[in-house]
N, C-alpha and C. Protein backbone atom coordinates (compact mmCIF):
# COMPACT_ATOMS: atom_id res chain seq x y z
N MET A 1 -3.77 -11.01 -43.09
CA MET A 1 -2.97 -11.28 -42.36
C MET A 1 -2.92 -10.85 -40.73
N ILE A 2 -2.94 -11.70 -39.71
CA ILE A 2 -3.42 -11.89 -38.71
C ILE A 2 -2.23 -10.35 -37.36
N ASN A 3 -2.73 -9.59 -36.84
CA ASN A 3 -2.59 -8.57 -36.09
C ASN A 3 -2.08 -8.96 -34.92
N LEU A 4 -1.13 -7.84 -34.46
CA LEU A 4 -0.76 -8.52 -32.72
C LEU A 4 -1.59 -8.71 -32.23
N TYR A 5 -2.90 -7.85 -31.92
CA TYR A 5 -3.38 -8.20 -31.03
C TYR A 5 -4.53 -9.23 -31.19
N ASP A 6 -4.91 -9.72 -32.09
CA ASP A 6 -5.60 -11.02 -32.21
C ASP A 6 -4.15 -12.37 -32.13
N ALA A 7 -2.96 -11.89 -32.69
CA ALA A 7 -2.28 -12.90 -32.12
C ALA A 7 -2.10 -13.25 -30.68
N LYS A 8 -2.19 -12.20 -30.18
CA LYS A 8 -1.89 -12.67 -28.67
C LYS A 8 -3.20 -13.60 -27.99
N LYS A 9 -5.09 -12.74 -28.55
CA LYS A 9 -5.68 -13.77 -28.41
C LYS A 9 -5.25 -15.33 -28.66
N LEU A 10 -4.54 -15.00 -29.51
CA LEU A 10 -4.49 -16.97 -30.37
C LEU A 10 -3.90 -17.12 -29.34
N VAL A 11 -2.57 -16.93 -28.82
CA VAL A 11 -1.52 -17.75 -28.17
C VAL A 11 -2.41 -17.81 -26.54
N ILE A 12 -3.04 -17.01 -26.52
CA ILE A 12 -3.25 -17.43 -24.87
C ILE A 12 -4.37 -18.08 -24.93
N ARG A 13 -5.73 -18.18 -25.46
CA ARG A 13 -6.72 -19.38 -25.85
C ARG A 13 -6.18 -20.52 -26.23
N LYS A 14 -4.79 -20.42 -27.36
CA LYS A 14 -4.10 -21.90 -27.14
C LYS A 14 -3.65 -22.79 -26.29
N SER A 15 -2.59 -21.97 -25.13
CA SER A 15 -2.26 -21.93 -24.37
C SER A 15 -2.70 -22.51 -23.19
N LEU A 16 -4.39 -21.97 -22.97
CA LEU A 16 -4.70 -22.60 -21.70
C LEU A 16 -5.81 -23.70 -22.61
N HIS A 17 -6.10 -24.11 -23.58
CA HIS A 17 -6.58 -25.15 -23.88
C HIS A 17 -5.71 -25.76 -23.80
N ILE A 18 -4.21 -25.90 -24.22
CA ILE A 18 -2.92 -27.09 -24.36
C ILE A 18 -3.02 -27.91 -22.52
N LEU A 19 -3.37 -27.02 -21.96
CA LEU A 19 -3.17 -27.49 -20.77
C LEU A 19 -4.47 -28.70 -20.06
N ILE A 20 -4.77 -28.70 -20.97
CA ILE A 20 -5.75 -29.60 -20.85
C ILE A 20 -4.97 -31.31 -20.98
N VAL A 21 -3.64 -31.20 -20.68
CA VAL A 21 -3.08 -32.08 -21.92
C VAL A 21 -2.60 -32.91 -19.96
N PHE A 22 -2.80 -31.87 -18.88
CA PHE A 22 -2.15 -32.78 -17.57
C PHE A 22 -3.26 -33.68 -17.37
N THR A 23 -4.13 -33.70 -17.59
CA THR A 23 -5.39 -34.48 -17.10
C THR A 23 -5.23 -36.41 -17.19
N PRO A 24 -4.69 -36.37 -17.82
CA PRO A 24 -4.32 -38.07 -18.19
C PRO A 24 -3.36 -38.40 -16.84
N ALA A 25 -2.48 -37.53 -16.35
CA ALA A 25 -1.30 -37.30 -15.45
C ALA A 25 -2.33 -37.66 -14.09
N LEU A 26 -3.35 -36.33 -14.16
CA LEU A 26 -3.84 -36.46 -12.91
C LEU A 26 -4.71 -37.47 -12.34
N ALA A 27 -5.78 -38.04 -13.83
CA ALA A 27 -6.32 -39.35 -13.60
C ALA A 27 -5.90 -40.23 -13.44
N ALA A 28 -3.93 -40.45 -13.69
CA ALA A 28 -3.16 -42.21 -13.51
C ALA A 28 -2.88 -41.73 -11.50
N PHE A 29 -2.35 -40.31 -11.31
CA PHE A 29 -2.63 -40.48 -9.59
C PHE A 29 -3.84 -40.19 -9.15
N SER A 30 -5.14 -39.97 -9.61
CA SER A 30 -6.15 -40.07 -8.95
C SER A 30 -6.96 -40.27 -9.88
N TYR A 31 -7.70 -41.01 -9.98
CA TYR A 31 -9.15 -41.26 -11.19
C TYR A 31 -10.49 -39.89 -10.11
N PRO A 32 -10.69 -40.77 -9.30
CA PRO A 32 -11.75 -39.67 -8.84
C PRO A 32 -11.38 -38.29 -8.60
N LEU A 33 -10.33 -38.19 -8.38
CA LEU A 33 -9.81 -36.52 -7.83
C LEU A 33 -9.92 -35.78 -9.53
N ALA A 34 -9.78 -36.63 -10.55
CA ALA A 34 -9.59 -35.71 -11.89
C ALA A 34 -10.48 -35.47 -12.18
N VAL A 35 -11.50 -36.28 -12.03
CA VAL A 35 -13.48 -36.49 -12.22
C VAL A 35 -13.63 -35.70 -12.02
N LEU A 36 -13.87 -35.59 -10.43
CA LEU A 36 -14.17 -34.03 -9.91
C LEU A 36 -13.61 -32.87 -10.07
N LEU A 37 -12.15 -32.79 -10.15
CA LEU A 37 -12.16 -31.73 -10.85
C LEU A 37 -12.56 -31.09 -12.06
N LEU A 38 -12.15 -32.41 -12.94
CA LEU A 38 -13.38 -31.67 -14.59
C LEU A 38 -14.88 -30.97 -14.30
N SER A 39 -15.35 -32.39 -13.57
CA SER A 39 -16.75 -31.72 -13.08
C SER A 39 -17.04 -30.20 -12.48
N SER A 40 -16.08 -30.28 -11.24
CA SER A 40 -16.33 -29.44 -10.85
C SER A 40 -15.46 -27.43 -11.33
N GLY A 41 -14.84 -27.41 -12.17
CA GLY A 41 -14.03 -26.98 -13.13
C GLY A 41 -15.07 -26.38 -14.27
N ILE A 42 -16.24 -27.81 -14.75
CA ILE A 42 -17.12 -27.15 -15.85
C ILE A 42 -18.06 -26.00 -15.43
N VAL A 43 -18.86 -26.71 -14.08
CA VAL A 43 -19.74 -26.09 -13.16
C VAL A 43 -19.41 -25.10 -12.86
N PHE A 44 -17.77 -24.67 -12.51
CA PHE A 44 -17.43 -23.33 -11.33
C PHE A 44 -17.74 -21.94 -13.45
N PHE A 45 -17.30 -22.73 -13.59
CA PHE A 45 -16.78 -21.79 -14.91
C PHE A 45 -17.96 -21.17 -15.32
N ALA A 46 -19.04 -22.69 -15.69
CA ALA A 46 -20.98 -21.92 -16.44
C ALA A 46 -21.30 -21.11 -15.60
N PHE A 47 -20.48 -21.11 -14.10
CA PHE A 47 -21.54 -20.09 -12.88
C PHE A 47 -21.11 -18.74 -13.45
N VAL A 48 -19.31 -18.45 -13.91
CA VAL A 48 -19.03 -17.03 -13.66
C VAL A 48 -19.17 -16.72 -15.07
N GLU A 49 -19.25 -17.84 -16.07
CA GLU A 49 -19.61 -17.23 -17.27
C GLU A 49 -21.32 -16.77 -17.52
N SER A 50 -21.76 -17.29 -16.78
CA SER A 50 -23.03 -16.96 -16.51
C SER A 50 -23.15 -15.13 -15.83
N LEU A 51 -22.77 -15.06 -14.85
CA LEU A 51 -22.82 -14.04 -14.45
C LEU A 51 -22.15 -12.71 -15.42
N ARG A 52 -21.28 -13.11 -16.17
CA ARG A 52 -20.52 -12.49 -16.85
C ARG A 52 -21.37 -11.91 -18.08
N PHE A 53 -22.05 -13.13 -18.86
CA PHE A 53 -22.65 -12.84 -19.97
C PHE A 53 -24.15 -11.88 -19.70
N HIS A 54 -24.87 -12.03 -18.71
CA HIS A 54 -25.84 -11.44 -18.18
C HIS A 54 -25.13 -9.90 -17.03
N THR A 55 -24.29 -9.32 -17.28
CA THR A 55 -23.28 -7.66 -17.03
C THR A 55 -23.77 -8.30 -15.44
N ARG A 56 -23.53 -8.95 -15.18
CA ARG A 56 -23.58 -8.98 -13.45
C ARG A 56 -22.31 -9.27 -13.13
N PRO A 57 -21.08 -8.23 -12.90
CA PRO A 57 -19.48 -9.07 -12.71
C PRO A 57 -20.01 -9.79 -11.31
N PRO A 58 -19.00 -10.60 -11.22
CA PRO A 58 -18.74 -11.26 -9.89
C PRO A 58 -17.70 -10.61 -8.49
N VAL A 59 -18.27 -10.36 -7.29
CA VAL A 59 -17.26 -9.25 -6.43
C VAL A 59 -16.03 -10.27 -5.99
N TRP A 60 -16.43 -11.72 -6.47
CA TRP A 60 -15.44 -12.20 -5.72
C TRP A 60 -13.94 -12.65 -6.50
N LYS A 61 -13.13 -11.91 -6.35
CA LYS A 61 -11.78 -11.67 -7.12
C LYS A 61 -10.97 -12.50 -8.02
N PRO A 62 -10.76 -14.07 -8.04
CA PRO A 62 -10.73 -14.95 -8.97
C PRO A 62 -11.84 -15.21 -10.17
N ALA A 63 -13.07 -15.00 -9.19
CA ALA A 63 -13.68 -15.38 -10.51
C ALA A 63 -13.80 -14.08 -11.45
N VAL A 64 -13.95 -12.88 -11.14
CA VAL A 64 -13.68 -11.47 -11.67
C VAL A 64 -11.96 -11.74 -12.95
N CYS A 65 -10.98 -12.29 -12.73
CA CYS A 65 -9.59 -12.73 -13.39
C CYS A 65 -10.36 -14.14 -13.87
N ILE A 66 -10.98 -14.83 -13.89
CA ILE A 66 -11.72 -15.60 -14.88
C ILE A 66 -12.49 -15.06 -16.08
N ALA A 67 -13.42 -14.58 -15.64
CA ALA A 67 -14.17 -13.59 -16.41
C ALA A 67 -13.56 -12.75 -17.52
N GLN A 68 -12.23 -11.49 -16.70
CA GLN A 68 -11.59 -10.91 -18.05
C GLN A 68 -10.64 -12.32 -18.76
N ILE A 69 -10.18 -13.19 -17.97
CA ILE A 69 -9.52 -13.70 -19.10
C ILE A 69 -9.96 -14.07 -20.22
N THR A 70 -11.44 -14.81 -19.87
CA THR A 70 -12.45 -15.67 -20.82
C THR A 70 -12.78 -14.10 -21.73
N LEU A 71 -13.01 -13.18 -21.34
CA LEU A 71 -13.52 -12.17 -22.68
C LEU A 71 -12.26 -11.85 -23.38
N PHE A 72 -10.89 -11.52 -22.71
CA PHE A 72 -9.67 -11.36 -23.84
C PHE A 72 -10.05 -12.82 -24.66
N ALA A 73 -9.56 -13.67 -24.40
CA ALA A 73 -9.21 -14.97 -25.16
C ALA A 73 -10.20 -15.50 -26.01
N SER A 74 -11.57 -14.98 -26.02
CA SER A 74 -12.21 -15.87 -26.84
C SER A 74 -12.23 -15.29 -28.29
N HIS A 75 -13.13 -16.17 -29.10
CA HIS A 75 -13.07 -15.78 -30.66
C HIS A 75 -13.97 -15.04 -31.02
N ARG A 76 -14.02 -14.50 -32.04
CA ARG A 76 -14.50 -13.08 -32.65
C ARG A 76 -16.06 -13.86 -32.97
N ARG A 77 -16.33 -15.06 -32.74
CA ARG A 77 -17.81 -15.33 -32.71
C ARG A 77 -18.23 -15.51 -31.47
N ASP A 78 -17.59 -14.97 -30.96
CA ASP A 78 -18.27 -15.33 -28.89
C ASP A 78 -18.50 -13.39 -28.58
N LYS A 79 -18.43 -12.90 -29.32
CA LYS A 79 -18.43 -11.42 -29.08
C LYS A 79 -20.42 -11.14 -28.62
N ASP A 80 -20.19 -10.97 -27.49
CA ASP A 80 -21.61 -10.58 -26.84
C ASP A 80 -22.72 -11.76 -26.91
N ARG A 81 -21.67 -13.36 -26.59
CA ARG A 81 -22.15 -14.76 -26.61
C ARG A 81 -21.82 -15.22 -25.22
N PHE A 82 -22.06 -16.08 -24.55
CA PHE A 82 -22.02 -17.05 -23.49
C PHE A 82 -20.86 -17.99 -24.31
N VAL A 83 -19.80 -17.90 -23.96
CA VAL A 83 -18.48 -18.52 -24.33
C VAL A 83 -18.76 -20.14 -23.70
N LEU A 84 -18.39 -21.02 -24.88
CA LEU A 84 -18.25 -22.55 -24.31
C LEU A 84 -17.47 -23.06 -24.48
N GLY A 85 -16.57 -22.38 -24.58
CA GLY A 85 -15.39 -23.57 -25.40
C GLY A 85 -14.52 -23.79 -24.23
N PRO A 86 -14.06 -23.45 -22.98
CA PRO A 86 -13.55 -23.88 -21.65
C PRO A 86 -14.77 -25.16 -21.26
N ILE A 87 -15.72 -24.70 -21.48
CA ILE A 87 -17.31 -26.09 -21.33
C ILE A 87 -17.03 -27.53 -21.54
N THR A 88 -16.53 -27.43 -23.05
CA THR A 88 -16.31 -28.41 -23.43
C THR A 88 -15.41 -28.92 -23.74
N LEU A 89 -14.17 -27.73 -23.44
CA LEU A 89 -12.98 -28.72 -23.55
C LEU A 89 -12.74 -29.27 -22.30
N GLY A 90 -13.28 -29.11 -21.31
CA GLY A 90 -13.18 -30.14 -19.98
C GLY A 90 -14.62 -30.93 -20.33
N ALA A 91 -15.45 -30.64 -21.06
CA ALA A 91 -16.39 -32.11 -20.89
C ALA A 91 -15.70 -33.09 -21.81
N GLY A 92 -15.37 -32.94 -23.18
CA GLY A 92 -14.18 -33.29 -23.72
C GLY A 92 -13.58 -34.72 -23.05
N ALA A 93 -12.23 -33.73 -22.39
CA ALA A 93 -11.77 -34.54 -21.38
C ALA A 93 -12.63 -35.62 -20.40
N LEU A 94 -13.66 -34.84 -19.72
CA LEU A 94 -14.46 -35.72 -19.20
C LEU A 94 -15.21 -37.04 -19.55
N CYS A 95 -15.23 -36.59 -20.70
CA CYS A 95 -16.51 -37.75 -21.27
C CYS A 95 -15.43 -38.85 -22.01
N VAL A 96 -14.26 -38.34 -22.49
CA VAL A 96 -13.33 -39.63 -22.86
C VAL A 96 -12.72 -40.61 -21.41
N LEU A 97 -12.87 -39.65 -20.53
CA LEU A 97 -12.31 -40.61 -18.80
C LEU A 97 -13.39 -41.27 -18.67
N LEU A 98 -14.54 -40.83 -18.34
CA LEU A 98 -15.76 -41.85 -18.63
C LEU A 98 -15.78 -42.78 -19.16
N CYS A 99 -15.75 -42.64 -20.20
CA CYS A 99 -16.29 -43.74 -21.18
C CYS A 99 -15.24 -45.29 -21.80
N PHE A 100 -13.68 -44.44 -22.05
CA PHE A 100 -12.67 -45.19 -22.57
C PHE A 100 -12.13 -45.71 -20.93
N ASP A 101 -11.16 -46.73 -21.20
CA ASP A 101 -10.12 -46.94 -20.15
C ASP A 101 -9.11 -45.73 -20.60
N PRO A 102 -7.89 -46.03 -19.44
CA PRO A 102 -7.41 -44.85 -19.22
C PRO A 102 -6.33 -44.30 -19.98
N HIS A 103 -5.71 -45.71 -20.80
CA HIS A 103 -4.50 -45.42 -22.03
C HIS A 103 -5.55 -44.98 -22.98
N THR A 104 -6.24 -44.93 -23.74
CA THR A 104 -7.16 -44.84 -24.51
C THR A 104 -7.91 -43.50 -24.45
N ALA A 105 -7.91 -43.10 -23.00
CA ALA A 105 -8.77 -41.71 -22.65
C ALA A 105 -7.73 -40.51 -22.95
N ALA A 106 -6.14 -41.27 -22.51
CA ALA A 106 -5.29 -40.34 -22.38
C ALA A 106 -4.78 -39.81 -24.28
N LEU A 107 -4.92 -41.07 -24.73
CA LEU A 107 -4.83 -40.39 -26.28
C LEU A 107 -5.53 -39.37 -26.78
N GLY A 108 -6.85 -39.97 -26.55
CA GLY A 108 -8.01 -38.72 -26.91
C GLY A 108 -7.50 -37.46 -26.07
N ILE A 109 -7.30 -37.18 -24.97
CA ILE A 109 -6.92 -36.23 -24.28
C ILE A 109 -5.60 -35.51 -25.24
N TYR A 110 -4.51 -36.36 -25.22
CA TYR A 110 -3.05 -35.93 -25.99
C TYR A 110 -3.67 -35.22 -27.41
N ALA A 111 -4.68 -36.16 -28.33
CA ALA A 111 -4.89 -35.66 -29.53
C ALA A 111 -6.67 -33.93 -29.10
N LEU A 112 -6.85 -33.81 -27.72
CA LEU A 112 -7.84 -32.86 -28.15
C LEU A 112 -6.46 -31.64 -27.52
N ALA A 113 -5.21 -31.93 -27.07
CA ALA A 113 -5.03 -31.01 -26.24
C ALA A 113 -3.96 -30.34 -27.59
N ALA A 114 -3.37 -31.13 -28.08
CA ALA A 114 -1.98 -30.98 -29.28
C ALA A 114 -2.46 -30.47 -30.94
N GLY A 115 -3.29 -31.49 -31.31
CA GLY A 115 -4.12 -31.65 -32.64
C GLY A 115 -5.07 -30.34 -32.55
N ASP A 116 -5.62 -30.07 -31.87
CA ASP A 116 -6.99 -29.03 -31.99
C ASP A 116 -5.99 -27.99 -31.62
N SER A 117 -5.41 -27.68 -30.72
CA SER A 117 -4.28 -26.43 -30.47
C SER A 117 -3.36 -26.25 -31.50
N LEU A 118 -2.96 -27.19 -32.07
CA LEU A 118 -1.74 -26.71 -32.87
C LEU A 118 -2.48 -25.98 -34.76
N ALA A 119 -3.86 -27.46 -35.24
CA ALA A 119 -4.64 -26.85 -35.84
C ALA A 119 -4.86 -25.65 -36.02
N GLY A 120 -5.07 -24.84 -35.07
CA GLY A 120 -5.95 -23.61 -34.76
C GLY A 120 -4.83 -22.97 -34.98
N LEU A 121 -3.33 -22.84 -34.48
CA LEU A 121 -2.24 -21.46 -34.69
C LEU A 121 -1.80 -21.81 -35.92
N ALA A 122 -2.26 -22.50 -36.92
CA ALA A 122 -1.44 -22.89 -38.40
C ALA A 122 -2.26 -22.80 -39.62
N GLY A 123 -3.80 -22.53 -39.25
CA GLY A 123 -5.00 -22.17 -39.99
C GLY A 123 -4.95 -20.18 -39.73
N ARG A 124 -4.17 -19.83 -38.46
CA ARG A 124 -4.80 -18.80 -38.08
C ARG A 124 -3.32 -17.78 -38.84
N LEU A 125 -2.30 -18.53 -38.47
CA LEU A 125 -1.19 -18.30 -39.28
C LEU A 125 -0.39 -17.74 -40.26
N PHE A 126 -0.82 -19.57 -41.02
CA PHE A 126 -0.60 -20.16 -41.74
C PHE A 126 -1.55 -20.23 -43.02
N GLY A 127 -3.13 -20.62 -42.74
CA GLY A 127 -3.58 -21.03 -43.58
C GLY A 127 -4.06 -20.10 -44.88
N ARG A 128 -4.23 -20.58 -45.32
CA ARG A 128 -4.52 -20.06 -47.26
C ARG A 128 -5.56 -20.31 -48.08
N CYS A 129 -5.22 -21.65 -48.00
CA CYS A 129 -6.35 -22.70 -48.98
C CYS A 129 -7.54 -23.59 -48.17
N ARG A 130 -8.54 -23.01 -48.31
CA ARG A 130 -9.77 -23.47 -47.66
C ARG A 130 -10.98 -23.99 -48.23
N PRO A 131 -10.57 -25.46 -48.98
CA PRO A 131 -11.29 -25.88 -49.87
C PRO A 131 -12.84 -26.32 -49.10
N ARG A 132 -13.95 -26.45 -49.97
CA ARG A 132 -15.58 -25.99 -49.10
C ARG A 132 -15.49 -26.97 -48.87
N ILE A 133 -14.77 -28.12 -48.49
CA ILE A 133 -14.67 -29.75 -48.04
C ILE A 133 -14.24 -29.67 -46.28
N LEU A 134 -13.28 -28.53 -46.46
CA LEU A 134 -13.12 -27.97 -44.87
C LEU A 134 -13.83 -27.63 -44.08
N CYS A 135 -15.22 -27.38 -44.74
CA CYS A 135 -16.36 -26.19 -43.99
C CYS A 135 -15.93 -25.01 -43.15
N GLY A 136 -14.99 -24.58 -44.47
CA GLY A 136 -14.13 -23.38 -44.16
C GLY A 136 -12.90 -23.14 -42.90
N LYS A 137 -12.33 -24.38 -42.56
CA LYS A 137 -11.19 -24.97 -42.09
C LYS A 137 -10.52 -24.43 -43.41
N SER A 138 -9.19 -24.55 -43.13
CA SER A 138 -7.52 -24.48 -43.73
C SER A 138 -7.12 -25.86 -43.94
N LEU A 139 -6.53 -26.09 -45.27
CA LEU A 139 -6.10 -27.28 -45.37
C LEU A 139 -4.61 -26.92 -44.02
N GLU A 140 -4.26 -25.96 -44.28
CA GLU A 140 -2.97 -26.36 -43.54
C GLU A 140 -3.05 -26.32 -42.26
N GLY A 141 -4.06 -26.27 -41.13
CA GLY A 141 -4.51 -26.08 -40.45
C GLY A 141 -4.71 -27.73 -40.03
N SER A 142 -6.24 -28.28 -41.05
CA SER A 142 -6.04 -29.47 -40.68
C SER A 142 -5.09 -30.54 -41.34
N LEU A 143 -4.04 -30.29 -41.63
CA LEU A 143 -2.87 -30.73 -42.18
C LEU A 143 -1.88 -30.87 -40.57
N ALA A 144 -1.92 -29.73 -40.64
CA ALA A 144 -0.84 -29.82 -38.97
C ALA A 144 -1.83 -30.61 -37.39
N CYS A 145 -3.12 -30.77 -37.47
CA CYS A 145 -3.96 -31.27 -36.81
C CYS A 145 -3.50 -33.49 -36.97
N PHE A 146 -3.82 -33.60 -38.27
CA PHE A 146 -3.38 -34.94 -38.74
C PHE A 146 -2.14 -35.20 -38.83
N PHE A 147 -1.13 -34.48 -38.58
CA PHE A 147 -0.29 -35.00 -38.43
C PHE A 147 0.43 -35.17 -36.87
N VAL A 148 0.00 -34.38 -36.28
CA VAL A 148 0.13 -34.37 -34.76
C VAL A 148 -0.76 -35.09 -34.05
N ILE A 149 -1.85 -35.97 -34.41
CA ILE A 149 -2.32 -36.48 -33.57
C ILE A 149 -1.95 -38.04 -33.70
N ALA A 150 -1.76 -38.16 -35.52
CA ALA A 150 -0.81 -39.24 -36.03
C ALA A 150 0.25 -39.87 -35.16
N GLY A 151 0.82 -38.43 -35.05
CA GLY A 151 2.72 -38.97 -34.61
C GLY A 151 2.91 -38.89 -33.32
N ILE A 152 1.77 -38.36 -32.36
CA ILE A 152 1.27 -38.68 -31.12
C ILE A 152 0.87 -40.24 -31.00
N THR A 153 -0.35 -41.10 -31.72
CA THR A 153 -0.62 -41.75 -31.41
C THR A 153 0.30 -42.99 -32.00
N GLY A 154 0.91 -42.61 -32.80
CA GLY A 154 1.72 -43.69 -33.59
C GLY A 154 2.44 -43.90 -32.67
N LEU A 155 3.98 -42.98 -32.21
CA LEU A 155 4.86 -43.12 -31.08
C LEU A 155 4.18 -43.59 -29.95
N VAL A 156 2.83 -43.17 -29.28
CA VAL A 156 2.22 -44.31 -28.03
C VAL A 156 2.11 -45.71 -28.83
N THR A 157 1.28 -45.95 -29.55
CA THR A 157 1.10 -47.32 -29.86
C THR A 157 1.69 -48.39 -30.30
N GLY A 158 2.88 -47.52 -31.01
CA GLY A 158 3.53 -48.38 -31.97
C GLY A 158 2.47 -48.58 -33.32
N SER A 159 1.81 -48.58 -33.42
CA SER A 159 0.73 -49.22 -34.86
C SER A 159 0.29 -47.40 -35.41
N TRP A 160 1.08 -47.58 -36.42
CA TRP A 160 1.08 -47.13 -37.69
C TRP A 160 -0.73 -46.78 -38.40
N LYS A 161 -0.95 -47.45 -38.25
CA LYS A 161 -2.20 -47.91 -38.92
C LYS A 161 -3.33 -47.08 -38.36
N GLU A 162 -3.42 -47.42 -36.94
CA GLU A 162 -4.28 -47.06 -36.10
C GLU A 162 -4.09 -46.00 -35.67
N ALA A 163 -2.96 -45.28 -35.27
CA ALA A 163 -2.72 -43.92 -35.96
C ALA A 163 -3.15 -43.01 -36.84
N LEU A 164 -3.08 -43.47 -37.74
CA LEU A 164 -3.50 -42.65 -39.11
C LEU A 164 -4.84 -42.69 -39.44
N VAL A 165 -5.59 -44.17 -38.68
CA VAL A 165 -7.18 -44.10 -38.81
C VAL A 165 -7.45 -42.93 -37.96
N ALA A 166 -7.02 -43.23 -36.41
CA ALA A 166 -7.09 -42.21 -35.65
C ALA A 166 -7.18 -41.06 -35.91
N ALA A 167 -6.32 -40.34 -36.31
CA ALA A 167 -5.52 -38.96 -37.03
C ALA A 167 -6.84 -38.50 -37.66
N LEU A 168 -7.39 -39.87 -39.01
CA LEU A 168 -8.28 -38.85 -39.50
C LEU A 168 -9.41 -38.67 -39.04
N ALA A 169 -9.80 -39.58 -38.23
CA ALA A 169 -11.36 -39.29 -37.41
C ALA A 169 -11.02 -38.04 -36.53
N GLY A 170 -9.97 -37.85 -36.03
CA GLY A 170 -9.89 -36.47 -35.27
C GLY A 170 -9.71 -35.21 -36.16
N THR A 171 -8.96 -35.64 -37.30
CA THR A 171 -8.90 -34.21 -38.31
C THR A 171 -10.51 -33.91 -38.79
N THR A 172 -11.25 -35.30 -39.03
CA THR A 172 -12.54 -35.25 -39.25
C THR A 172 -13.53 -34.43 -38.12
N ALA A 173 -13.23 -34.90 -37.20
CA ALA A 173 -13.80 -34.17 -36.24
C ALA A 173 -13.50 -32.45 -36.09
N GLU A 174 -12.55 -32.46 -36.07
CA GLU A 174 -11.79 -30.75 -35.76
C GLU A 174 -12.32 -30.40 -37.35
N ALA A 175 -12.57 -30.68 -38.49
CA ALA A 175 -13.14 -29.76 -39.27
C ALA A 175 -14.54 -29.10 -39.19
N LEU A 176 -15.13 -30.15 -38.83
CA LEU A 176 -16.83 -30.23 -38.71
C LEU A 176 -17.57 -28.52 -38.53
N PRO A 177 -18.24 -28.16 -39.38
CA PRO A 177 -18.75 -26.90 -38.67
C PRO A 177 -19.66 -27.05 -37.51
N ILE A 178 -19.09 -27.17 -36.07
CA ILE A 178 -20.22 -27.55 -34.98
C ILE A 178 -19.07 -26.47 -34.01
N GLU A 179 -18.34 -25.38 -34.03
CA GLU A 179 -18.11 -24.70 -33.49
C GLU A 179 -17.20 -24.85 -32.40
N ASP A 180 -17.54 -24.74 -30.58
CA ASP A 180 -16.19 -25.27 -29.63
C ASP A 180 -16.66 -27.50 -29.44
N PHE A 181 -18.01 -27.40 -30.07
CA PHE A 181 -18.09 -28.71 -30.12
C PHE A 181 -17.38 -29.83 -30.60
N ASP A 182 -16.06 -29.19 -31.79
CA ASP A 182 -15.56 -30.13 -31.68
C ASP A 182 -14.39 -31.00 -30.56
N ASN A 183 -14.54 -29.80 -29.49
CA ASN A 183 -13.35 -30.37 -28.10
C ASN A 183 -14.31 -31.72 -28.20
N ILE A 184 -15.42 -32.18 -27.49
CA ILE A 184 -15.68 -33.30 -27.20
C ILE A 184 -15.80 -33.95 -28.20
N LEU A 185 -16.36 -33.91 -29.61
CA LEU A 185 -15.93 -35.11 -30.55
C LEU A 185 -14.93 -35.63 -30.99
N LEU A 186 -13.67 -34.61 -31.23
CA LEU A 186 -12.68 -35.08 -31.77
C LEU A 186 -12.34 -36.51 -29.90
N PRO A 187 -11.68 -35.48 -29.22
CA PRO A 187 -11.13 -36.64 -28.59
C PRO A 187 -12.01 -38.34 -28.65
N PHE A 188 -13.27 -38.44 -28.49
CA PHE A 188 -14.24 -39.27 -28.46
C PHE A 188 -14.01 -40.10 -29.31
N SER A 189 -13.77 -39.51 -31.07
CA SER A 189 -13.63 -39.90 -32.32
C SER A 189 -12.25 -41.23 -31.84
N VAL A 190 -11.24 -40.22 -31.70
CA VAL A 190 -9.83 -40.81 -31.43
C VAL A 190 -9.84 -41.96 -30.34
N SER A 191 -10.48 -42.03 -29.20
CA SER A 191 -10.75 -42.66 -28.21
C SER A 191 -11.25 -44.06 -29.21
N ALA A 192 -12.26 -43.30 -29.66
CA ALA A 192 -13.35 -44.35 -30.34
C ALA A 192 -12.64 -45.51 -31.42
N VAL A 193 -12.08 -44.59 -32.11
CA VAL A 193 -11.27 -45.47 -33.58
C VAL A 193 -10.36 -46.68 -32.77
N LEU A 194 -9.17 -46.27 -31.15
CA LEU A 194 -8.36 -47.19 -30.81
C LEU A 194 -8.93 -47.92 -30.21
N THR A 195 -10.46 -47.91 -29.60
CA THR A 195 -10.90 -48.36 -29.32
C THR A 195 -11.48 -49.97 -29.98
N LEU A 196 -11.75 -49.57 -31.28
CA LEU A 196 -12.09 -50.05 -32.38
C LEU A 196 -11.41 -51.47 -32.50
N PHE A 197 -10.16 -51.31 -32.78
CA PHE A 197 -8.71 -51.50 -33.20
C PHE A 197 -8.47 -52.43 -32.13
N ASN A 198 -8.32 -52.35 -30.72
CA ASN A 198 -8.31 -52.95 -29.79
C ASN A 198 -8.91 -54.38 -29.72
N HIS A 199 -10.40 -54.19 -30.54
CA HIS A 199 -11.36 -55.28 -30.11
C HIS A 199 -11.56 -55.91 -31.13
N ALA A 200 -10.89 -55.89 -32.43
CA ALA A 200 -11.37 -55.77 -33.49
C ALA A 200 -10.55 -57.55 -33.70
């Protein structure tokens, strides 16, 4: 059973994670600006996290705040480690923006924001069944990921066949034992599947 402290950490982490959903809207307004902000955000966070990790607290107050939030919201596995989650999150969104058309990239980012976030919440709050094939992830979390991605993709594309295959690809990426790197593989796999359908 998850305790109150861990629940707070989980909610804050997933709330920050889901903010990536605004990237497609920003890219629609200004694609260069979206790429610039994602790139600079990745570099800035890596710099601040490097300072925190090497026990040299930054003196700039916003950087101190970011370091404290990172430390509080991080996974247990990140204790005494460089926190990669925010970097791979930004990299996943940036990757699909650079590699796919805006519409397809947006669906990959929505899958990352909603599918991955709800998988984590469902898995921690309700996860009981953890079959070996899911590499330690819960069946409940994986099902949440699958249905969210399928629902979003199906409603946007109007093709439930595409939606189900994209959801399967995204859920598989989320279930792999690659820790934070699923933030890159999940949106890329969803966008790649949709691109294959569009060019079939």
